[in-house]
């Protein structure tokens, strides 16, 4: 079982997304990138969707993405445990969001699916 918010954890999440038919169907033909950052740990992971595939890689601070979600490790832990969903975390100010509001509304179901997959990934906190 992987430690949460590590490269090993996100590789497992990536494999789960690639095996998830709903995710594959919903992201067909889409090109986007989502930065997930644990600000208090200096950890940043880039989820990139392009050419009908999904990759999640560890990146340096300052990496640009179409959408960015940043918060503390504790907040990400609550998202992973299902104590708060991604949308609520943003609306409550627990996660800082950067990107197009219009476009994120269009992608809303896809982002919620990422949260569902994250919660289904076995993890050690």
Protein backbone atom coordinates (compact mmCIF):
# COMPACT_ATOMS: atom_id res chain seq x y z
CA UNK A 1 0.00 0.00 0.00
CA UNK A 2 1.44 3.37 -1.04
CA UNK A 3 1.93 6.40 1.20
CA UNK A 4 -0.53 9.16 0.35
CA UNK A 5 0.55 12.01 -1.96
CA UNK A 6 3.70 10.22 -3.19
CA UNK A 7 4.84 9.22 -6.66
CA UNK A 8 3.92 5.60 -5.93
CA UNK A 9 0.42 6.62 -4.83
CA UNK A 10 -0.21 8.74 -7.93
CA UNK A 11 1.13 6.02 -10.26
CA UNK A 12 -1.45 3.69 -8.73
CA UNK A 13 -4.16 6.35 -9.19
CA UNK A 14 -3.01 6.83 -12.80
CA UNK A 15 -3.35 3.11 -13.51
CA UNK A 16 -6.83 3.14 -11.96
CA UNK A 17 -7.87 6.05 -14.20
CA UNK A 18 -6.50 4.26 -17.27
CA UNK A 19 -8.54 1.17 -16.33
CA UNK A 20 -11.71 3.18 -15.60
CA UNK A 21 -14.04 3.04 -18.61
CA UNK A 22 -16.08 6.05 -17.44
CA UNK A 23 -12.90 8.14 -17.19
CA UNK A 24 -11.71 6.96 -20.61
CA UNK A 25 -15.07 7.72 -22.23
CA UNK A 26 -15.38 11.14 -20.56
CA UNK A 27 -11.86 12.27 -21.50
CA UNK A 28 -11.78 11.02 -25.09
CA UNK A 29 -10.41 13.80 -27.29
CA UNK A 30 -9.76 16.17 -24.37
CA UNK A 31 -6.48 17.95 -23.74
CA UNK A 32 -6.03 19.43 -20.27
CA UNK A 33 -3.70 19.50 -17.29
CA UNK A 34 -4.42 19.65 -13.59
CA UNK A 35 -1.81 20.50 -10.95
CA UNK A 36 -2.43 19.04 -7.50
CA UNK A 37 -0.25 20.65 -4.85
CA UNK A 38 0.29 19.97 -1.15
CA UNK A 39 1.60 23.40 -0.24
CA UNK A 40 2.92 22.53 3.22
CA UNK A 41 4.91 19.56 1.90
CA UNK A 42 6.24 21.10 -1.31
CA UNK A 43 4.72 18.26 -3.33
CA UNK A 44 3.19 18.87 -6.75
CA UNK A 45 1.73 16.37 -9.18
CA UNK A 46 0.57 17.08 -12.71
CA UNK A 47 -2.35 15.11 -14.12
CA UNK A 48 -2.16 15.47 -17.88
CA UNK A 49 -4.84 14.27 -20.30
CA UNK A 50 -3.84 14.26 -23.96
CA UNK A 51 -4.16 11.97 -26.97
CA UNK A 52 -6.67 9.78 -25.11
CA UNK A 53 -4.24 8.93 -22.32
CA UNK A 54 -3.67 10.10 -18.76
CA UNK A 55 -0.33 10.60 -17.03
CA UNK A 56 0.39 11.77 -13.49
CA UNK A 57 3.93 12.92 -12.76
CA UNK A 58 5.73 14.65 -9.93
CA UNK A 59 6.67 18.20 -10.93
CA UNK A 60 8.48 21.18 -9.49
CA UNK A 61 6.79 24.13 -7.84
CA UNK A 62 5.82 26.75 -10.40
CA UNK A 63 4.82 24.22 -13.05
CA UNK A 64 1.95 25.65 -15.05
CA UNK A 65 -1.29 23.81 -15.74
CA UNK A 66 -4.69 24.66 -17.14
CA UNK A 67 -6.17 24.07 -13.66
CA UNK A 68 -4.48 24.18 -10.27
CA UNK A 69 -5.74 22.89 -6.95
CA UNK A 70 -3.51 23.64 -3.97
CA UNK A 71 -3.94 23.08 -0.27
CA UNK A 72 -2.37 21.50 2.76
CA UNK A 73 -1.66 17.81 3.07
CA UNK A 74 -4.39 17.66 5.74
CA UNK A 75 -7.01 18.95 3.30
CA UNK A 76 -5.92 16.48 0.61
CA UNK A 77 -6.18 13.72 3.22
CA UNK A 78 -9.80 14.74 3.89
CA UNK A 79 -10.52 14.62 0.14
CA UNK A 80 -8.94 11.16 -0.14
CA UNK A 81 -10.91 9.87 2.84
CA UNK A 82 -14.17 11.22 1.43
CA UNK A 83 -14.66 13.63 4.33
CA UNK A 84 -14.95 16.49 1.82
CA UNK A 85 -15.25 16.40 -1.97
CA UNK A 86 -13.08 18.42 -4.33
CA UNK A 87 -15.82 20.89 -5.21
CA UNK A 88 -16.73 21.56 -1.57
CA UNK A 89 -13.06 21.96 -0.64
CA UNK A 90 -12.72 24.70 -3.27
CA UNK A 91 -16.00 26.41 -2.39
CA UNK A 92 -15.10 26.41 1.33
CA UNK A 93 -11.65 27.86 0.61
CA UNK A 94 -9.85 24.75 1.80
CA UNK A 95 -8.24 24.33 -1.62
CA UNK A 96 -7.09 27.22 -3.77
CA UNK A 97 -8.22 26.95 -7.37
CA UNK A 98 -6.71 28.65 -10.43
CA UNK A 99 -8.09 28.31 -13.93
CA UNK A 100 -11.13 29.12 -16.01
CA UNK A 101 -14.37 28.94 -14.00
CA UNK A 102 -16.36 28.44 -17.21
CA UNK A 103 -14.18 25.58 -18.37
CA UNK A 104 -14.08 23.89 -14.96
CA UNK A 105 -17.88 23.85 -14.93
CA UNK A 106 -17.74 22.08 -18.29
CA UNK A 107 -15.22 19.55 -16.86
CA UNK A 108 -16.95 19.25 -13.47
CA UNK A 109 -17.99 15.60 -13.77
CA UNK A 110 -14.52 14.62 -14.92
CA UNK A 111 -12.90 16.31 -11.91
CA UNK A 112 -15.38 14.65 -9.57
CA UNK A 113 -14.41 11.32 -11.15
CA UNK A 114 -10.76 12.00 -10.29
CA UNK A 115 -11.85 12.47 -6.67
CA UNK A 116 -13.76 9.17 -6.74
CA UNK A 117 -10.73 7.34 -8.10
CA UNK A 118 -8.46 8.97 -5.51
CA UNK A 119 -10.78 7.76 -2.76
CA UNK A 120 -10.76 4.22 -4.18
CA UNK A 121 -6.95 4.00 -4.31
CA UNK A 122 -5.57 1.98 -1.35
CA UNK A 123 -3.41 4.28 0.71
CA UNK A 124 -1.47 4.66 3.93
CA UNK A 125 -1.80 8.06 5.62
